Protein backbone atom coordinates (compact mmCIF):
# COMPACT_ATOMS: atom_id res chain seq x y z
CA MET A 1 16.71 71.14 206.52
CA GLY A 2 13.47 69.41 207.30
CA ARG A 3 12.22 65.99 206.42
CA ALA A 4 10.91 67.11 203.02
CA GLY A 5 14.30 68.60 202.11
CA LYS A 6 16.14 65.39 203.03
CA LEU A 7 13.71 63.37 200.93
CA ALA A 8 14.23 65.72 197.98
CA VAL A 9 18.03 65.45 198.22
CA GLY A 10 17.77 61.66 198.51
CA ALA A 11 15.50 61.51 195.46
CA ILE A 12 17.88 63.66 193.43
CA ILE A 13 20.90 61.54 194.37
CA GLY A 14 18.96 58.34 193.66
CA GLY A 15 17.85 59.68 190.29
CA MET A 16 21.41 60.57 189.36
CA ALA A 17 22.64 57.13 190.38
CA LEU A 18 19.88 55.46 188.36
CA THR A 19 20.66 57.63 185.32
CA LEU A 20 24.37 56.79 185.49
CA ALA A 21 23.62 53.08 185.87
CA LEU A 22 21.31 53.11 182.85
CA MET A 23 23.84 55.02 180.75
CA ALA A 24 26.58 52.54 181.65
CA ALA A 25 24.34 49.58 180.87
CA LEU A 26 23.12 50.89 177.53
CA ASP A 27 26.43 52.18 176.11
CA PRO A 28 28.13 49.75 173.74
CA PRO A 29 31.38 48.33 175.09
CA ALA A 30 34.54 50.16 174.04
CA THR A 31 36.59 48.57 171.30
CA ARG A 32 39.72 46.92 172.57
CA ALA A 33 43.14 47.14 171.02
CA SER A 34 44.35 44.06 169.23
CA ALA A 35 46.91 41.88 170.96
CA PRO A 36 50.55 42.40 169.97
CA PRO A 37 52.01 39.78 167.66
CA PRO A 38 53.64 36.84 169.43
CA ILE A 39 57.41 36.96 169.83
CA SER A 40 59.20 34.28 167.88
CA GLY A 41 62.64 32.90 168.66
CA ALA A 42 64.11 35.11 165.92
CA ASP A 43 62.78 38.21 167.67
CA ALA A 44 64.20 37.26 171.07
CA HIS A 45 66.69 39.69 172.54
CA SER A 46 70.39 38.96 172.42
CA VAL A 47 71.09 39.51 176.13
CA PRO A 48 71.91 36.18 177.77
CA PHE A 49 69.60 35.26 180.62
CA GLY A 50 72.56 34.46 182.86
CA THR A 51 73.79 38.05 182.60
CA LEU A 52 70.44 39.45 183.72
CA ARG A 53 70.24 36.89 186.50
CA ARG A 54 73.70 37.88 187.77
CA CYS A 55 72.87 41.59 187.48
CA ARG A 56 69.78 41.27 189.71
CA SER A 57 71.95 41.12 192.82
CA VAL A 58 74.72 43.55 191.79
CA THR A 59 74.79 46.58 194.08
CA ALA A 60 77.70 48.51 192.54
CA ALA A 61 77.62 50.25 189.16
CA ASP A 62 78.43 47.77 186.42
CA SER A 63 78.48 48.89 182.78
CA GLU A 64 77.71 45.37 181.48
CA CYS A 65 74.64 45.15 183.72
CA GLU A 66 73.45 48.62 182.77
CA ALA A 67 73.76 47.75 179.08
CA ALA A 68 71.97 44.43 179.58
CA TRP A 69 69.07 46.04 181.44
CA GLU A 70 68.83 48.83 178.86
CA ALA A 71 68.63 46.23 176.07
CA LYS A 72 65.98 44.32 178.04
CA ARG A 73 63.99 47.54 178.58
CA ARG A 74 64.15 48.46 174.87
CA HIS A 75 63.04 44.94 173.94
CA PHE A 76 60.17 45.00 176.45
CA PHE A 77 58.84 48.33 175.18
CA GLY A 78 59.30 47.30 171.52
CA GLN A 79 61.84 49.99 170.68
CA GLU A 80 64.48 47.69 169.19
CA LYS A 81 63.10 47.70 165.66
CA ASP A 82 62.67 51.50 165.64
CA GLU A 83 66.42 52.05 166.06
CA ARG A 84 67.51 49.78 163.20
């Protein structure tokens, strides 16, 4: 490829980059999802914090810890109210 071919390829790539930049600048921003409602004290999960703190360092299988972490996971992902 000679000098003219390299210039043509460079012009094409530059034109594409310019087109993409203009399209990104002129598109309206995407609408954002609304924030989830704040969690009140009544909505707080029933797992005591001390249990979760103790279960962080447990290396053997413990049914109480598994249940506590499962409740924490359901609360975090907002699945508690769906099951009731």
